[in-house]
């Protein structure tokens, strides 16, 4: 057979032709069911994996612009349904599925994402009881993250107005449904923490479908609740299913009304405790007064009247006065005797007493000096001689030196 009559294709042409065949056969897209294997997330952000069943394997690629919309995490072993185009990868001559959408088989993408995120947060310890913060003994300032126009906030305020009017409320309005709701709720929690003027936060919204409440299952909300320095009560809808916000919160209840009742119950418990303390105090005061009255009555019987005590003191004063007089008389008599003794002793020592025993005292008239020595006088001097009784004046005729005569 001559090659001149044959149509010869290049490898690239064959690849192009196959691509045309795939396009004509599968049109604008095809849904393919299979199990994920050999999954790889490239540094570029693209996903590469294979879809397989019991008899065949199909390579697949999901570029970043498409996989960023995934609501769950692709991983080996998952059974999925993918939508995309069959194309040929020229450099390798391999056909592959370019995936535009992917959903888990048998379970919704969001539900799978929820389960995966729930397992992740559980492993990180966000649900652990050790991280739960105790509610304040009495939250007098309450912060609420919810829609300001929703029924939830009206229910909470109505309950608080009746049962806890003393509680101040700060409402941080947030979207509680839609694509931006999760970010807004998380931001509201952070802002109330920064505001630093509330004691407790309630994150709440009214009832709705699972789709309506999905914002409370987002990771950003769960982490905002976990990172809150203030205790948080989660009160999300009337659903049976528990949200991630509920699991991370310090306390969760099924309805906004139930959250408000927690505050009211704390008020009632506090008032009950105060009333019990007041009654105990009244009883204690009554008992104390009774004891004091009994003690006073006993004292009245045990002690004398003021008049009796006064008369007793008067009698005691009389006795003191009598004793004082006696003591004074004895004191004066004693000192009189001592004084007489001193006088007698002084009289015995007096010069006059000496003179009365026959001695005399001679005084020089010129200067009234007592003559004690012959050297004081000269012949012709006048002297005065004092006797025991009387005196006389004489004139010195002669001074005799050194003459002594014994006195008998």
Protein backbone atom coordinates (compact mmCIF):
# COMPACT_ATOMS: atom_id res chain seq x y z
CA UNK A 1 0.00 0.00 0.00
CA UNK A 2 1.51 3.29 -0.99
CA UNK A 3 1.86 5.94 1.69
CA UNK A 4 1.03 8.62 -0.87
CA UNK A 5 -2.63 7.61 -0.81
CA UNK A 6 -2.86 7.54 3.01
CA UNK A 7 -3.89 10.44 5.34
CA UNK A 8 -1.20 10.70 7.97
CA UNK A 9 -2.04 12.44 11.33
CA UNK A 10 0.39 14.06 13.67
CA UNK A 11 0.12 13.25 17.38
CA UNK A 12 -1.29 16.71 18.00
CA UNK A 13 -3.90 16.26 15.28
CA UNK A 14 -5.00 12.99 16.79
CA UNK A 15 -5.33 14.69 20.16
CA UNK A 16 -7.38 17.49 18.60
CA UNK A 17 -9.62 15.04 16.81
CA UNK A 18 -10.21 13.11 20.00
CA UNK A 19 -11.09 16.36 21.73
CA UNK A 20 -13.64 17.10 19.00
CA UNK A 21 -15.09 13.64 19.39
CA UNK A 22 -15.42 14.11 23.16
CA UNK A 23 -17.03 17.49 22.65
CA UNK A 24 -19.50 16.19 20.10
CA UNK A 25 -20.28 13.15 22.23
CA UNK A 26 -20.64 14.75 25.66
CA UNK A 27 -21.76 18.21 24.62
CA UNK A 28 -21.23 21.12 27.02
CA UNK A 29 -20.70 18.94 30.06
CA UNK A 30 -21.19 15.63 31.70
CA UNK A 31 -21.97 14.35 35.24
CA UNK A 32 -19.63 11.61 36.38
CA UNK A 33 -19.95 9.47 39.51
CA UNK A 34 -16.94 7.86 41.12
CA UNK A 35 -14.66 7.45 44.13
CA UNK A 36 -11.89 9.99 44.71
CA UNK A 37 -8.35 8.59 44.71
CA UNK A 38 -4.81 9.94 44.43
CA UNK A 39 -6.04 13.38 45.53
CA UNK A 40 -3.40 16.13 45.42
CA UNK A 41 -3.72 19.84 46.13
CA UNK A 42 -0.98 21.61 44.17
CA UNK A 43 0.79 24.72 45.47
CA UNK A 44 -0.91 26.63 42.67
CA UNK A 45 -4.28 25.96 44.34
CA UNK A 46 -5.44 23.46 41.69
CA UNK A 47 -6.75 19.99 42.62
CA UNK A 48 -5.71 16.83 40.78
CA UNK A 49 -7.27 13.44 41.45
CA UNK A 50 -8.83 10.39 39.87
CA UNK A 51 -12.38 9.09 39.77
CA UNK A 52 -12.68 5.33 39.81
CA UNK A 53 -15.21 2.54 39.97
CA UNK A 54 -14.79 -1.21 39.97
CA UNK A 55 -13.66 -1.35 36.32
CA UNK A 56 -12.05 1.92 35.28
CA UNK A 57 -10.19 5.07 36.34
CA UNK A 58 -10.73 8.62 35.02
CA UNK A 59 -8.22 11.39 35.66
CA UNK A 60 -9.71 14.69 36.84
CA UNK A 61 -8.55 18.25 37.44
CA UNK A 62 -10.37 21.00 39.33
CA UNK A 63 -8.77 24.37 38.92
CA UNK A 64 -8.66 26.97 41.69
CA UNK A 65 -11.40 29.17 40.23
CA UNK A 66 -13.79 26.24 40.59
CA UNK A 67 -12.59 24.54 43.79
CA UNK A 68 -12.79 27.73 45.87
CA UNK A 69 -16.57 27.32 45.76
CA UNK A 70 -16.48 23.86 47.32
CA UNK A 71 -18.44 23.54 50.56
CA UNK A 72 -16.58 20.41 51.66
CA UNK A 73 -13.06 19.03 51.63
CA UNK A 74 -12.16 16.57 48.87
CA UNK A 75 -10.24 13.55 50.08
CA UNK A 76 -9.46 10.02 49.04
CA UNK A 77 -12.25 7.49 49.46
CA UNK A 78 -15.12 9.95 49.03
CA UNK A 79 -17.84 9.06 46.60
CA UNK A 80 -18.73 12.13 44.60
CA UNK A 81 -20.69 13.29 41.61
CA UNK A 82 -18.72 15.73 39.45
CA UNK A 83 -19.82 17.92 36.58
CA UNK A 84 -17.36 19.02 33.91
CA UNK A 85 -15.99 18.61 30.41
CA UNK A 86 -14.00 15.70 28.98
CA UNK A 87 -10.79 17.03 27.57
CA UNK A 88 -7.46 15.68 26.37
CA UNK A 89 -4.24 16.71 28.08
CA UNK A 90 -1.99 16.97 25.01
CA UNK A 91 1.47 16.74 26.66
CA UNK A 92 0.61 13.27 27.96
CA UNK A 93 -2.03 12.22 25.50
CA UNK A 94 -4.42 11.51 28.36
CA UNK A 95 -8.06 12.35 28.51
CA UNK A 96 -9.39 13.82 31.78
CA UNK A 97 -12.42 15.43 33.34
CA UNK A 98 -12.14 19.17 33.94
CA UNK A 99 -14.39 19.47 37.02
CA UNK A 100 -16.54 22.55 37.41
CA UNK A 101 -18.75 21.36 40.27
CA UNK A 102 -18.59 18.52 42.77
CA UNK A 103 -21.05 17.18 45.30
CA UNK A 104 -20.72 14.28 47.72
CA UNK A 105 -22.91 11.35 46.80
CA UNK A 106 -25.64 10.56 49.31
CA UNK A 107 -25.04 13.67 51.48
CA UNK A 108 -25.25 17.39 50.81
CA UNK A 109 -22.02 19.32 50.31
CA UNK A 110 -22.83 21.63 53.18
CA UNK A 111 -23.63 18.77 55.51
CA UNK A 112 -20.36 17.09 54.65
CA UNK A 113 -18.53 20.36 55.20
CA UNK A 114 -20.28 20.63 58.55
CA UNK A 115 -19.19 17.15 59.61
CA UNK A 116 -15.62 17.74 58.48
CA UNK A 117 -15.39 21.10 60.26
CA UNK A 118 -17.02 19.64 63.37
CA UNK A 119 -14.41 16.88 63.50
CA UNK A 120 -11.61 19.41 62.97
CA UNK A 121 -12.79 21.71 65.77
CA UNK A 122 -13.35 18.75 68.07
CA UNK A 123 -9.75 17.63 67.58
CA UNK A 124 -8.56 21.16 68.34
CA UNK A 125 -10.46 21.10 71.65
CA UNK A 126 -12.96 23.88 70.91
CA UNK A 127 -15.79 21.80 72.39
CA UNK A 128 -13.94 20.78 75.57
CA UNK A 129 -15.67 21.53 78.86
CA UNK A 130 -12.37 22.80 80.24
CA UNK A 131 -12.67 25.85 77.99
CA UNK A 132 -16.23 26.70 79.04
CA UNK A 133 -16.49 29.96 80.98
CA UNK A 134 -18.85 30.28 83.93
CA UNK A 135 -21.65 32.80 83.65
CA UNK A 136 -21.32 35.83 85.95
CA UNK A 137 -23.18 35.63 89.26
CA UNK A 138 -25.38 38.51 88.15
CA UNK A 139 -25.02 39.92 84.60
CA UNK A 140 -26.24 43.49 84.97
CA UNK A 141 -25.03 44.40 81.45
CA UNK A 142 -26.01 42.12 78.57
CA UNK A 143 -24.77 42.17 74.99
CA UNK A 144 -26.86 40.59 72.21
CA UNK A 145 -25.63 39.72 68.71
CA UNK A 146 -28.69 39.25 66.50
CA UNK A 147 -30.82 40.98 63.92
CA UNK A 148 -32.25 44.17 65.41
CA UNK A 149 -35.37 43.69 63.30
CA UNK A 150 -35.91 40.01 64.13
CA UNK A 151 -38.35 38.34 66.48
CA UNK A 152 -35.52 36.94 68.61
CA UNK A 153 -34.48 40.29 70.03
CA UNK A 154 -38.11 41.21 70.76
CA UNK A 155 -38.58 37.96 72.67
CA UNK A 156 -35.42 38.52 74.72
CA UNK A 157 -36.25 42.14 75.53
CA UNK A 158 -39.83 41.24 76.46
CA UNK A 159 -38.71 38.60 78.96
CA UNK A 160 -36.05 40.88 80.45
CA UNK A 161 -38.46 43.82 80.79
CA UNK A 162 -40.82 41.70 82.90
CA UNK A 163 -38.36 39.64 84.89
CA UNK A 164 -35.09 41.61 84.96
CA UNK A 165 -35.72 45.32 84.32
CA UNK A 166 -32.46 46.21 86.08
CA UNK A 167 -30.35 44.63 83.31
CA UNK A 168 -28.87 47.03 80.74
CA UNK A 169 -28.89 45.68 77.17
CA UNK A 170 -26.50 46.49 74.32
CA UNK A 171 -27.68 45.20 70.93
CA UNK A 172 -25.13 44.66 68.17
CA UNK A 173 -27.28 44.18 65.10
CA UNK A 174 -25.92 41.59 62.67
CA UNK A 175 -27.05 39.73 59.58
CA UNK A 176 -28.12 36.26 60.66
CA UNK A 177 -28.79 34.81 57.21
CA UNK A 178 -27.00 34.93 53.87
CA UNK A 179 -23.44 34.83 52.58
CA UNK A 180 -22.13 37.70 54.74
CA UNK A 181 -23.92 36.64 57.93
CA UNK A 182 -21.11 34.53 59.41
CA UNK A 183 -18.53 37.32 59.10
CA UNK A 184 -20.97 39.85 60.55
CA UNK A 185 -21.84 37.64 63.54
CA UNK A 186 -18.17 37.00 64.27
CA UNK A 187 -17.40 40.70 64.02
CA UNK A 188 -20.28 41.50 66.38
CA UNK A 189 -18.87 39.14 69.01
CA UNK A 190 -15.41 40.71 68.68
CA UNK A 191 -16.81 44.25 68.95
CA UNK A 192 -18.74 43.50 72.15
CA UNK A 193 -15.55 42.07 73.64
CA UNK A 194 -13.69 45.24 72.70
CA UNK A 195 -16.52 47.42 74.01
CA UNK A 196 -15.72 46.02 77.47
CA UNK A 197 -18.97 47.24 79.02
CA UNK A 198 -21.03 44.03 79.05
CA UNK A 199 -20.84 41.02 81.36
CA UNK A 200 -22.36 38.40 79.07
CA UNK A 201 -23.15 37.90 75.34
CA UNK A 202 -26.15 36.15 73.78
CA UNK A 203 -25.75 35.07 70.14
CA UNK A 204 -29.23 34.49 68.81
CA UNK A 205 -31.74 34.31 65.99
CA UNK A 206 -35.24 32.95 65.60
CA UNK A 207 -36.33 29.76 63.91
CA UNK A 208 -35.71 28.85 60.33
CA UNK A 209 -34.62 26.13 57.99
CA UNK A 210 -31.23 24.48 58.11
CA UNK A 211 -30.22 26.64 55.16
CA UNK A 212 -31.36 29.81 56.97
CA UNK A 213 -29.33 28.95 60.08
CA UNK A 214 -26.19 27.84 58.27
CA UNK A 215 -24.19 30.95 59.19
CA UNK A 216 -23.97 29.61 62.73
CA UNK A 217 -22.14 26.54 61.40
CA UNK A 218 -19.33 28.55 59.80
CA UNK A 219 -15.80 28.25 61.18
CA UNK A 220 -15.38 32.02 61.61
CA UNK A 221 -18.35 32.11 64.01
CA UNK A 222 -17.16 29.08 65.97
CA UNK A 223 -13.71 30.58 66.46
CA UNK A 224 -15.11 33.99 67.42
CA UNK A 225 -17.21 32.32 70.13
CA UNK A 226 -14.22 30.29 71.35
CA UNK A 227 -11.91 33.34 71.43
CA UNK A 228 -14.42 35.51 73.31
CA UNK A 229 -13.22 36.65 76.72
CA UNK A 230 -16.84 37.10 77.76
CA UNK A 231 -19.16 34.12 78.44
CA UNK A 232 -21.49 33.39 75.54
CA UNK A 233 -24.97 31.85 75.45
CA UNK A 234 -25.93 30.44 72.06
CA UNK A 235 -29.67 30.57 71.31
CA UNK A 236 -30.07 29.69 67.65
CA UNK A 237 -33.50 28.83 66.34
CA UNK A 238 -35.90 26.03 67.13
CA UNK A 239 -34.02 23.31 65.27
CA UNK A 240 -33.27 19.87 66.63
CA UNK A 241 -29.83 19.85 65.04
CA UNK A 242 -27.08 21.45 67.10
CA UNK A 243 -24.99 24.16 65.42
CA UNK A 244 -21.23 24.59 65.79
CA UNK A 245 -21.97 27.86 67.58
CA UNK A 246 -23.95 25.84 70.15
CA UNK A 247 -21.14 23.34 70.65
CA UNK A 248 -18.45 25.99 71.21
CA UNK A 249 -20.57 28.33 73.35
CA UNK A 250 -20.31 28.23 77.14
CA UNK A 251 -24.06 27.48 77.35
CA UNK A 252 -26.54 26.81 74.57
CA UNK A 253 -30.34 26.77 74.66
CA UNK A 254 -32.92 26.03 72.00
CA UNK A 255 -34.65 29.42 71.87
CA UNK A 256 -33.90 33.11 72.47
CA UNK A 257 -36.63 33.08 75.13
CA UNK A 258 -34.77 30.39 77.04
CA UNK A 259 -31.61 32.51 76.96
CA UNK A 260 -33.45 35.47 78.46
CA UNK A 261 -34.94 33.24 81.15
CA UNK A 262 -31.42 32.30 82.28
CA UNK A 263 -30.86 35.98 83.12
CA UNK A 264 -34.25 36.25 84.82
CA UNK A 265 -33.58 33.09 86.85
CA UNK A 266 -30.29 34.57 88.03
CA UNK A 267 -32.13 37.71 89.14
CA UNK A 268 -34.77 35.63 90.95
CA UNK A 269 -32.12 33.46 92.60
CA UNK A 270 -30.27 36.57 93.74
CA UNK A 271 -33.46 38.15 95.11
CA UNK A 272 -34.36 34.89 96.86
CA UNK A 273 -30.91 34.72 98.40
CA UNK A 274 -31.16 38.36 99.52
CA UNK A 275 -34.61 37.70 101.05
CA UNK A 276 -33.28 34.62 102.88
CA UNK A 277 -30.35 36.64 104.18
CA UNK A 278 -32.74 39.41 105.29
CA UNK A 279 -34.90 36.93 107.18
CA UNK A 280 -31.88 35.34 108.81
CA UNK A 281 -30.65 38.80 109.80
CA UNK A 282 -34.04 39.72 111.25
CA UNK A 283 -34.10 36.52 113.30
CA UNK A 284 -30.55 37.14 114.49
CA UNK A 285 -31.35 40.72 115.48
CA UNK A 286 -34.53 39.64 117.29
CA UNK A 287 -32.64 36.96 119.19
CA UNK A 288 -29.88 39.40 120.10
CA UNK A 289 -32.37 41.98 121.38
CA UNK A 290 -34.11 39.30 123.48
CA UNK A 291 -30.80 38.21 124.98
CA UNK A 292 -29.89 41.82 125.78
CA UNK A 293 -33.27 42.41 127.42
CA UNK A 294 -32.82 39.33 129.59
CA UNK A 295 -29.30 40.41 130.54
CA UNK A 296 -30.55 43.90 131.41
CA UNK A 297 -33.31 42.51 133.62
CA UNK A 298 -30.79 40.31 135.39
CA UNK A 299 -28.50 43.28 135.92
CA UNK A 300 -31.32 45.35 137.37
CA UNK A 301 -31.93 42.69 139.98
CA UNK A 302 -28.22 42.25 140.63
CA UNK A 303 -27.30 45.92 141.15
CA UNK A 304 -28.66 48.58 143.58
CA UNK A 305 -30.64 51.60 142.56
CA UNK A 306 -28.77 54.89 142.02
CA UNK A 307 -30.23 56.28 145.29
CA UNK A 308 -29.03 53.29 147.27
CA UNK A 309 -25.60 53.57 145.69
CA UNK A 310 -25.53 57.33 146.50
CA UNK A 311 -26.43 56.75 150.14
CA UNK A 312 -23.78 54.06 150.33
CA UNK A 313 -21.19 56.47 148.96
CA UNK A 314 -22.29 59.18 151.41
CA UNK A 315 -21.84 56.78 154.30
CA UNK A 316 -18.44 55.82 152.96
CA UNK A 317 -17.50 59.53 152.78
CA UNK A 318 -18.56 60.00 156.40
CA UNK A 319 -16.33 57.12 157.41
CA UNK A 320 -13.47 58.59 155.44
CA UNK A 321 -13.99 62.00 157.08
CA UNK A 322 -14.04 60.47 160.56
CA UNK A 323 -10.92 58.48 159.86
CA UNK A 324 -9.23 61.56 158.43
CA UNK A 325 -9.99 63.58 161.61
CA UNK A 326 -8.60 60.85 163.81
CA UNK A 327 -5.51 60.57 161.69
CA UNK A 328 -5.02 64.34 161.76
CA UNK A 329 -5.31 64.46 165.56
CA UNK A 330 -2.82 61.65 165.92
CA UNK A 331 -0.52 63.33 163.46
CA UNK A 332 -0.67 66.69 165.29
CA UNK A 333 -0.10 65.07 168.69
CA UNK A 334 2.91 63.20 167.36
CA UNK A 335 4.42 66.26 165.79
CA UNK A 336 3.70 68.38 168.89
CA UNK A 337 5.69 65.91 170.95
CA UNK A 338 8.49 65.95 168.42
CA UNK A 339 8.48 69.76 168.40
CA UNK A 340 8.72 69.92 172.22
CA UNK A 341 11.62 67.54 172.11
CA UNK A 342 13.39 69.69 169.52
CA UNK A 343 12.75 72.83 171.63
CA UNK A 344 14.16 71.21 174.71
CA UNK A 345 17.23 70.13 172.80
CA UNK A 346 17.65 73.59 171.34
CA UNK A 347 17.25 75.20 174.78
CA UNK A 348 19.93 72.93 176.14
CA UNK A 349 22.25 74.07 173.37
CA UNK A 350 21.33 77.77 173.72
CA UNK A 351 24.09 80.21 174.87
CA UNK A 352 21.63 81.56 177.44
CA UNK A 353 21.43 78.11 179.02
CA UNK A 354 25.24 78.07 179.20
CA UNK A 355 25.23 81.50 180.83
CA UNK A 356 22.66 80.30 183.36
CA UNK A 357 25.17 77.73 184.57
CA UNK A 358 27.61 80.52 185.72
CA UNK A 359 29.33 81.35 182.48
CA UNK A 360 29.47 84.88 180.98
CA UNK A 361 29.94 86.46 177.56
CA UNK A 362 32.22 89.46 177.05
CA UNK A 363 31.64 91.92 174.21
CA UNK A 364 33.95 94.75 173.16
CA UNK A 365 31.86 97.92 173.24
CA UNK A 366 33.81 99.55 170.48
CA UNK A 367 32.56 97.14 167.80
CA UNK A 368 30.22 94.70 169.65
CA UNK A 369 32.56 91.83 168.84
CA UNK A 370 32.72 88.85 171.17
CA UNK A 371 36.01 88.71 173.04
CA UNK A 372 37.58 85.33 172.54
CA UNK A 373 41.26 86.18 172.95
CA UNK A 374 43.38 88.65 174.94
CA UNK A 375 44.73 89.91 171.66
CA UNK A 376 41.40 91.59 170.97
CA UNK A 377 41.58 93.95 173.95
CA UNK A 378 43.95 96.50 175.42
CA UNK A 379 44.19 98.26 178.66
CA UNK A 380 41.59 100.99 178.91
CA UNK A 381 39.00 99.30 176.56
CA UNK A 382 35.45 99.11 177.78
CA UNK A 383 33.71 95.73 177.61
CA UNK A 384 30.24 94.47 178.38
CA UNK A 385 29.91 91.27 180.31
CA UNK A 386 26.65 89.33 179.80
CA UNK A 387 25.63 87.01 182.65
CA UNK A 388 22.96 84.39 183.04
CA UNK A 389 20.83 87.14 184.45
CA UNK A 390 21.71 90.74 183.54
CA UNK A 391 25.07 92.29 182.47
CA UNK A 392 27.59 94.91 183.49
CA UNK A 393 30.14 97.22 181.86
CA UNK A 394 33.72 97.43 182.98
CA UNK A 395 37.02 98.93 181.95
CA UNK A 396 40.11 96.86 181.32
CA UNK A 397 42.81 97.64 183.82
CA UNK A 398 45.28 95.02 182.75
CA UNK A 399 45.54 92.33 180.05
CA UNK A 400 46.94 89.07 181.35
CA UNK A 401 48.40 86.77 178.71
CA UNK A 402 48.29 82.96 178.78
CA UNK A 403 46.59 82.56 182.12
CA UNK A 404 44.12 79.69 182.37
CA UNK A 405 42.17 78.44 185.33
CA UNK A 406 40.26 75.28 185.47
CA UNK A 407 36.53 75.68 185.54
CA UNK A 408 34.84 73.59 188.22
